[in-house]
Amino acid sequence: MRLSRLVAGGCSLATATLPATATTEGGGGASLIEPQLGTIFWTTVTFLVLIFLLGRFAWKPLLGALQERETSIRESIEQARKDREQAEELLEQHRGLLDEARRERAEAVNLGQRDAEKLKAEILAEARKQREQLLAQTEAQVAAGMQQARAELRTITVDLAIQAAEKLLSKNLDEQTHRRLVEEYLADLEKSEGSGSPPS
């Protein structure tokens, strides 16, 4: 406010001298082109006052504002650099976490495959065991059936032999004696089959 008043006052002083010199010359507009000492003096004084006032009141705030602006720009650049470094660090951490997650997933898949192979082996071993047990039971049942069939066949053979002996010998031997004789003969026959030599 004071600066504008001083500048306005200096300008008014300079213009106040112009009409006076112009009237003394009486030449009209030509006097403005000719150098006049009063105009030069007051223009120089006004310029020096203006320079002084600008240096005193205007340059310092302008330079301070420029320095503040430069400081804020530098701080913004520094903050942007720090933010970029922090973003790069976060990106590296994120990449590390992704790599770790991939490793954990691969380990989980491998562990699942190993568990599946182990379970498969256990199932196959259990199936083999059950098959062997079933074969053993079947063999035992077949052996028992064979023994039962042999016993039944032996009984039938004894009965047939007794009937045939009664017809052939025409003797009155009792049935118990006939059965004993035939059983002894069959026992000898089985022994001979086991040893490979015919009965006597």
C-alpha atoms as a PDB file:
ATOM      1  CA  MET A   1       0.000   0.000   0.000  1.00  0.00           C
ATOM      2  CA  ARG A   2       2.784   2.407   0.937  1.00  0.00           C
ATOM      3  CA  LEU A   3       4.793   1.305  -2.077  1.00  0.00           C
ATOM      4  CA  SER A   4       1.973   2.097  -4.499  1.00  0.00           C
ATOM      5  CA  ARG A   5       1.435   5.504  -2.880  1.00  0.00           C
ATOM      6  CA  LEU A   6       5.089   6.380  -3.156  1.00  0.00           C
ATOM      7  CA  VAL A   7       5.248   5.286  -6.784  1.00  0.00           C
ATOM      8  CA  ALA A   8       2.106   7.292  -7.547  1.00  0.00           C
ATOM      9  CA  GLY A   9       3.553  10.335  -5.805  1.00  0.00           C
ATOM     10  CA  GLY A  10       6.813  10.109  -7.751  1.00  0.00           C
ATOM     11  CA  CYS A  11       4.975   9.835 -11.010  1.00  0.00           C
ATOM     12  CA  SER A  12       2.772  12.829 -10.185  1.00  0.00           C
ATOM     13  CA  LEU A  13       5.858  14.919  -9.390  1.00  0.00           C
ATOM     14  CA  ALA A  14       7.434  13.951 -12.678  1.00  0.00           C
ATOM     15  CA  THR A  15       4.311  14.803 -14.618  1.00  0.00           C
ATOM     16  CA  ALA A  16       3.887  18.063 -12.770  1.00  0.00           C
ATOM     17  CA  THR A  17       7.169  19.336 -14.154  1.00  0.00           C
ATOM     18  CA  LEU A  18       6.265  18.474 -17.712  1.00  0.00           C
ATOM     19  CA  PRO A  19       3.550  21.130 -18.269  1.00  0.00           C
ATOM     20  CA  ALA A  20       5.753  23.809 -16.754  1.00  0.00           C
ATOM     21  CA  THR A  21       8.583  23.160 -19.128  1.00  0.00           C
ATOM     22  CA  ALA A  22       6.241  22.770 -22.009  1.00  0.00           C
ATOM     23  CA  THR A  23       4.678  26.205 -21.381  1.00  0.00           C
ATOM     24  CA  THR A  24       8.039  27.891 -21.061  1.00  0.00           C
ATOM     25  CA  GLU A  25       9.179  26.571 -24.365  1.00  0.00           C
ATOM     26  CA  GLY A  26       5.952  27.365 -26.141  1.00  0.00           C
ATOM     27  CA  GLY A  27       6.796  24.923 -28.835  1.00  0.00           C
ATOM     28  CA  GLY A  28       3.968  22.473 -28.265  1.00  0.00           C
ATOM     29  CA  GLY A  29       4.757  18.787 -28.714  1.00  0.00           C
ATOM     30  CA  ALA A  30       8.380  19.247 -29.781  1.00  0.00           C
ATOM     31  CA  SER A  31       9.452  20.037 -26.215  1.00  0.00           C
ATOM     32  CA  LEU A  32       8.772  16.451 -25.145  1.00  0.00           C
ATOM     33  CA  ILE A  33      11.481  15.154 -27.454  1.00  0.00           C
ATOM     34  CA  GLU A  34      14.125  17.567 -26.242  1.00  0.00           C
ATOM     35  CA  PRO A  35      15.904  16.542 -23.014  1.00  0.00           C
ATOM     36  CA  GLN A  36      14.889  18.574 -20.026  1.00  0.00           C
ATOM     37  CA  LEU A  37      16.844  18.674 -16.856  1.00  0.00           C
ATOM     38  CA  GLY A  38      13.863  18.659 -14.510  1.00  0.00           C
ATOM     39  CA  THR A  39      12.271  15.679 -16.156  1.00  0.00           C
ATOM     40  CA  ILE A  40      15.541  13.755 -16.092  1.00  0.00           C
ATOM     41  CA  PHE A  41      16.077  14.630 -12.431  1.00  0.00           C
ATOM     42  CA  TRP A  42      12.600  13.662 -11.244  1.00  0.00           C
ATOM     43  CA  THR A  43      12.573  10.510 -13.413  1.00  0.00           C
ATOM     44  CA  THR A  44      15.897   9.459 -11.911  1.00  0.00           C
ATOM     45  CA  VAL A  45      14.704  10.254  -8.397  1.00  0.00           C
ATOM     46  CA  THR A  46      11.465   8.372  -8.962  1.00  0.00           C
ATOM     47  CA  PHE A  47      13.364   5.388 -10.404  1.00  0.00           C
ATOM     48  CA  LEU A  48      15.813   5.347  -7.486  1.00  0.00           C
ATOM     49  CA  VAL A  49      12.976   5.643  -4.979  1.00  0.00           C
ATOM     50  CA  LEU A  50      11.130   2.874  -6.756  1.00  0.00           C
ATOM     51  CA  ILE A  51      14.262   0.684  -6.736  1.00  0.00           C
ATOM     52  CA  PHE A  52      14.789   1.420  -3.046  1.00  0.00           C
ATOM     53  CA  LEU A  53      11.199   0.694  -2.131  1.00  0.00           C
ATOM     54  CA  LEU A  54      11.131  -2.491  -4.227  1.00  0.00           C
ATOM     55  CA  GLY A  55      14.399  -3.639  -2.660  1.00  0.00           C
ATOM     56  CA  ARG A  56      13.177  -2.761   0.792  1.00  0.00           C
ATOM     57  CA  PHE A  57       9.620  -4.075   0.703  1.00  0.00           C
ATOM     58  CA  ALA A  58       9.076  -6.208  -2.395  1.00  0.00           C
ATOM     59  CA  TRP A  59      12.260  -8.136  -3.242  1.00  0.00           C
ATOM     60  CA  LYS A  60      12.616  -9.797   0.140  1.00  0.00           C
ATOM     61  CA  PRO A  61       9.080 -11.211   0.193  1.00  0.00           C
ATOM     62  CA  LEU A  62       9.433 -12.251  -3.455  1.00  0.00           C
ATOM     63  CA  LEU A  63      12.767 -13.934  -2.799  1.00  0.00           C
ATOM     64  CA  GLY A  64      11.349 -15.518   0.364  1.00  0.00           C
ATOM     65  CA  ALA A  65       8.368 -16.834  -1.597  1.00  0.00           C
ATOM     66  CA  LEU A  66      10.713 -18.147  -4.291  1.00  0.00           C
ATOM     67  CA  GLN A  67      12.898 -19.817  -1.670  1.00  0.00           C
ATOM     68  CA  GLU A  68       9.844 -21.323   0.021  1.00  0.00           C
ATOM     69  CA  ARG A  69       8.636 -22.574  -3.349  1.00  0.00           C
ATOM     70  CA  GLU A  70      12.057 -24.039  -4.113  1.00  0.00           C
ATOM     71  CA  THR A  71      12.173 -25.648  -0.666  1.00  0.00           C
ATOM     72  CA  SER A  72       8.691 -27.138  -1.105  1.00  0.00           C
ATOM     73  CA  ILE A  73       9.650 -28.441  -4.563  1.00  0.00           C
ATOM     74  CA  ARG A  74      12.807 -30.017  -3.149  1.00  0.00           C
ATOM     75  CA  GLU A  75      10.847 -31.531  -0.276  1.00  0.00           C
ATOM     76  CA  SER A  76       8.280 -32.863  -2.745  1.00  0.00           C
ATOM     77  CA  ILE A  77      11.031 -34.399  -4.870  1.00  0.00           C
ATOM     78  CA  GLU A  78      12.650 -35.931  -1.777  1.00  0.00           C
ATOM     79  CA  GLN A  79       9.311 -37.270  -0.573  1.00  0.00           C
ATOM     80  CA  ALA A  80       8.628 -38.717  -4.030  1.00  0.00           C
ATOM     81  CA  ARG A  81      12.047 -40.386  -3.969  1.00  0.00           C
ATOM     82  CA  LYS A  82      11.363 -41.834  -0.517  1.00  0.00           C
ATOM     83  CA  ASP A  83       7.919 -42.993  -1.637  1.00  0.00           C
ATOM     84  CA  ARG A  84       9.459 -44.654  -4.695  1.00  0.00           C
ATOM     85  CA  GLU A  85      12.080 -46.411  -2.555  1.00  0.00           C
ATOM     86  CA  GLN A  86       9.375 -47.539  -0.134  1.00  0.00           C
ATOM     87  CA  ALA A  87       7.247 -48.769  -3.049  1.00  0.00           C
ATOM     88  CA  GLU A  88      10.245 -50.710  -4.412  1.00  0.00           C
ATOM     89  CA  GLU A  89      10.813 -52.249  -0.968  1.00  0.00           C
ATOM     90  CA  LEU A  90       7.147 -53.207  -0.742  1.00  0.00           C
ATOM     91  CA  LEU A  91       7.346 -54.667  -4.250  1.00  0.00           C
ATOM     92  CA  GLU A  92      10.362 -56.759  -3.249  1.00  0.00           C
ATOM     93  CA  GLN A  93       8.539 -57.941  -0.120  1.00  0.00           C
ATOM     94  CA  HIS A  94       5.501 -58.797  -2.230  1.00  0.00           C
ATOM     95  CA  ARG A  95       7.672 -60.752  -4.662  1.00  0.00           C
ATOM     96  CA  GLY A  96       9.285 -62.586  -1.751  1.00  0.00           C
ATOM     97  CA  LEU A  97       5.867 -63.462  -0.339  1.00  0.00           C
ATOM     98  CA  LEU A  98       4.742 -64.700  -3.759  1.00  0.00           C
ATOM     99  CA  ASP A  99       7.844 -66.859  -4.097  1.00  0.00           C
ATOM    100  CA  GLU A 100       7.304 -68.258  -0.602  1.00  0.00           C
ATOM    101  CA  ALA A 101       3.651 -68.964  -1.392  1.00  0.00           C
ATOM    102  CA  ARG A 102       4.694 -70.767  -4.583  1.00  0.00           C
ATOM    103  CA  ARG A 103       7.224 -72.854  -2.652  1.00  0.00           C
ATOM    104  CA  GLU A 104       4.654 -73.719   0.014  1.00  0.00           C
ATOM    105  CA  ARG A 105       2.131 -74.680  -2.671  1.00  0.00           C
ATOM    106  CA  ALA A 106       4.710 -76.894  -4.418  1.00  0.00           C
ATOM    107  CA  GLU A 107       5.605 -78.515  -1.089  1.00  0.00           C
ATOM    108  CA  ALA A 108       1.919 -79.094  -0.334  1.00  0.00           C
ATOM    109  CA  VAL A 109       1.411 -80.674  -3.776  1.00  0.00           C
ATOM    110  CA  ASN A 110       4.468 -82.901  -3.284  1.00  0.00           C
ATOM    111  CA  LEU A 111       3.290 -83.858   0.194  1.00  0.00           C
ATOM    112  CA  GLY A 112      -0.162 -84.665  -1.190  1.00  0.00           C
ATOM    113  CA  GLN A 113       1.378 -86.823  -3.914  1.00  0.00           C
ATOM    114  CA  ARG A 114       3.530 -88.651  -1.354  1.00  0.00           C
ATOM    115  CA  ASP A 115       0.495 -89.216   0.882  1.00  0.00           C
ATOM    116  CA  ALA A 116      -1.482 -90.464  -2.121  1.00  0.00           C
ATOM    117  CA  GLU A 117       1.327 -92.875  -3.077  1.00  0.00           C
ATOM    118  CA  LYS A 118       1.566 -94.072   0.521  1.00  0.00           C
ATOM    119  CA  LEU A 119      -2.194 -94.584   0.729  1.00  0.00           C
ATOM    120  CA  LYS A 120      -2.135 -96.401  -2.603  1.00  0.00           C
ATOM    121  CA  ALA A 121       0.639 -98.707  -1.363  1.00  0.00           C
ATOM    122  CA  GLU A 122      -1.285 -99.368   1.869  1.00  0.00           C
ATOM    123  CA  ILE A 123      -4.464-100.160  -0.073  1.00  0.00           C
ATOM    124  CA  LEU A 124      -2.569-102.514  -2.402  1.00  0.00           C
ATOM    125  CA  ALA A 125      -0.878-104.233   0.558  1.00  0.00           C
ATOM    126  CA  GLU A 126      -4.243-104.644   2.299  1.00  0.00           C
ATOM    127  CA  ALA A 127      -5.772-106.021  -0.923  1.00  0.00           C
ATOM    128  CA  ARG A 128      -2.915-108.522  -1.280  1.00  0.00           C
ATOM    129  CA  LYS A 129      -3.316-109.561   2.342  1.00  0.00           C
ATOM    130  CA  GLN A 130      -7.061-110.058   1.928  1.00  0.00           C
ATOM    131  CA  ARG A 131      -6.479-111.987  -1.303  1.00  0.00           C
ATOM    132  CA  GLU A 132      -3.961-114.252   0.410  1.00  0.00           C
ATOM    133  CA  GLN A 133      -6.362-114.789   3.305  1.00  0.00           C
ATOM    134  CA  LEU A 134      -9.168-115.568   0.881  1.00  0.00           C
ATOM    135  CA  LEU A 135      -6.935-117.990  -1.022  1.00  0.00           C
ATOM    136  CA  ALA A 136      -5.926-119.650   2.250  1.00  0.00           C
ATOM    137  CA  GLN A 137      -9.575-119.951   3.305  1.00  0.00           C
ATOM    138  CA  THR A 138     -10.496-121.306  -0.129  1.00  0.00           C
ATOM    139  CA  GLU A 139      -7.661-123.824   0.007  1.00  0.00           C
ATOM    140  CA  ALA A 140      -8.729-124.846   3.521  1.00  0.00           C
ATOM    141  CA  GLN A 141     -12.323-125.251   2.363  1.00  0.00           C
ATOM    142  CA  VAL A 142     -11.194-127.242  -0.676  1.00  0.00           C
ATOM    143  CA  ALA A 143      -8.994-129.448   1.517  1.00  0.00           C
ATOM    144  CA  ALA A 144     -11.858-129.975   3.958  1.00  0.00           C
ATOM    145  CA  GLY A 145     -14.184-130.764   1.048  1.00  0.00           C
ATOM    146  CA  MET A 146     -11.653-133.207  -0.363  1.00  0.00           C
ATOM    147  CA  GLN A 147     -11.298-134.928   3.004  1.00  0.00           C
ATOM    148  CA  GLN A 148     -15.064-135.135   3.359  1.00  0.00           C
ATOM    149  CA  ALA A 149     -15.381-136.464  -0.195  1.00  0.00           C
ATOM    150  CA  ARG A 150     -12.689-139.049   0.483  1.00  0.00           C
ATOM    151  CA  ALA A 151     -14.421-140.135   3.685  1.00  0.00           C
ATOM    152  CA  GLU A 152     -17.759-140.415   1.863  1.00  0.00           C
ATOM    153  CA  LEU A 153     -16.091-142.238  -1.025  1.00  0.00           C
ATOM    154  CA  ARG A 154     -14.391-144.563   1.396  1.00  0.00           C
ATOM    155  CA  THR A 155     -17.692-145.362   3.106  1.00  0.00           C
ATOM    156  CA  ILE A 156     -19.380-146.003  -0.227  1.00  0.00           C
ATOM    157  CA  THR A 157     -16.445-148.145  -1.357  1.00  0.00           C
ATOM    158  CA  VAL A 158     -16.587-150.192   1.844  1.00  0.00           C
ATOM    159  CA  ASP A 159     -20.311-150.771   1.393  1.00  0.00           C
ATOM    160  CA  LEU A 160     -19.839-151.822  -2.218  1.00  0.00           C
ATOM    161  CA  ALA A 161     -16.911-154.058  -1.329  1.00  0.00           C
ATOM    162  CA  ILE A 162     -18.926-155.736   1.405  1.00  0.00           C
ATOM    163  CA  GLN A 163     -21.775-156.355  -0.950  1.00  0.00           C
ATOM    164  CA  ALA A 164     -19.423-157.705  -3.586  1.00  0.00           C
ATOM    165  CA  ALA A 165     -17.584-159.883  -1.077  1.00  0.00           C
ATOM    166  CA  GLU A 166     -20.832-161.380   0.203  1.00  0.00           C
ATOM    167  CA  LYS A 167     -21.797-162.318  -3.282  1.00  0.00           C
ATOM    168  CA  LEU A 168     -18.412-163.676  -4.216  1.00  0.00           C
ATOM    169  CA  LEU A 169     -17.526-165.579  -1.077  1.00  0.00           C
ATOM    170  CA  SER A 170     -21.009-166.803  -0.274  1.00  0.00           C
ATOM    171  CA  LYS A 171     -19.956-167.070   3.298  1.00  0.00           C
ATOM    172  CA  ASN A 172     -21.800-166.010   6.311  1.00  0.00           C
ATOM    173  CA  LEU A 173     -19.432-163.451   7.617  1.00  0.00           C
ATOM    174  CA  ASP A 174     -21.014-160.763   9.592  1.00  0.00           C
ATOM    175  CA  GLU A 175     -21.065-157.206   8.254  1.00  0.00           C
ATOM    176  CA  GLN A 176     -18.704-155.867  10.892  1.00  0.00           C
ATOM    177  CA  THR A 177     -15.981-158.327   9.921  1.00  0.00           C
ATOM    178  CA  HIS A 178     -16.449-157.525   6.251  1.00  0.00           C
ATOM    179  CA  ARG A 179     -16.233-153.793   6.964  1.00  0.00           C
ATOM    180  CA  ARG A 180     -13.051-154.268   9.015  1.00  0.00           C
ATOM    181  CA  LEU A 181     -11.411-156.300   6.273  1.00  0.00           C
ATOM    182  CA  VAL A 182     -12.284-153.758   3.584  1.00  0.00           C
ATOM    183  CA  GLU A 183     -11.121-150.827   5.719  1.00  0.00           C
ATOM    184  CA  GLU A 184      -7.826-152.579   6.356  1.00  0.00           C
ATOM    185  CA  TYR A 185      -7.467-153.173   2.644  1.00  0.00           C
ATOM    186  CA  LEU A 186      -8.246-149.512   1.847  1.00  0.00           C
ATOM    187  CA  ALA A 187      -5.768-148.362   4.489  1.00  0.00           C
ATOM    188  CA  ASP A 188      -3.125-150.537   2.912  1.00  0.00           C
ATOM    189  CA  LEU A 189      -4.117-149.110  -0.463  1.00  0.00           C
ATOM    190  CA  GLU A 190      -3.715-145.535   0.723  1.00  0.00           C
ATOM    191  CA  LYS A 191      -0.333-146.343   2.271  1.00  0.00           C
ATOM    192  CA  SER A 192       0.779-147.957  -0.930  1.00  0.00           C
ATOM    193  CA  GLU A 193      -0.338-144.909  -2.918  1.00  0.00           C
ATOM    194  CA  GLY A 194       1.668-142.707  -0.592  1.00  0.00           C
ATOM    195  CA  SER A 195       4.773-144.893  -0.849  1.00  0.00           C
ATOM    196  CA  GLY A 196       4.343-145.682  -4.556  1.00  0.00           C
ATOM    197  CA  SER A 197       4.340-149.507  -4.168  1.00  0.00           C
ATOM    198  CA  PRO A 198       1.248-151.709  -4.765  1.00  0.00           C
ATOM    199  CA  PRO A 199      -0.340-153.493  -1.800  1.00  0.00           C
ATOM    200  CA  SER A 200       0.420-157.217  -1.276  1.00  0.00           C
END
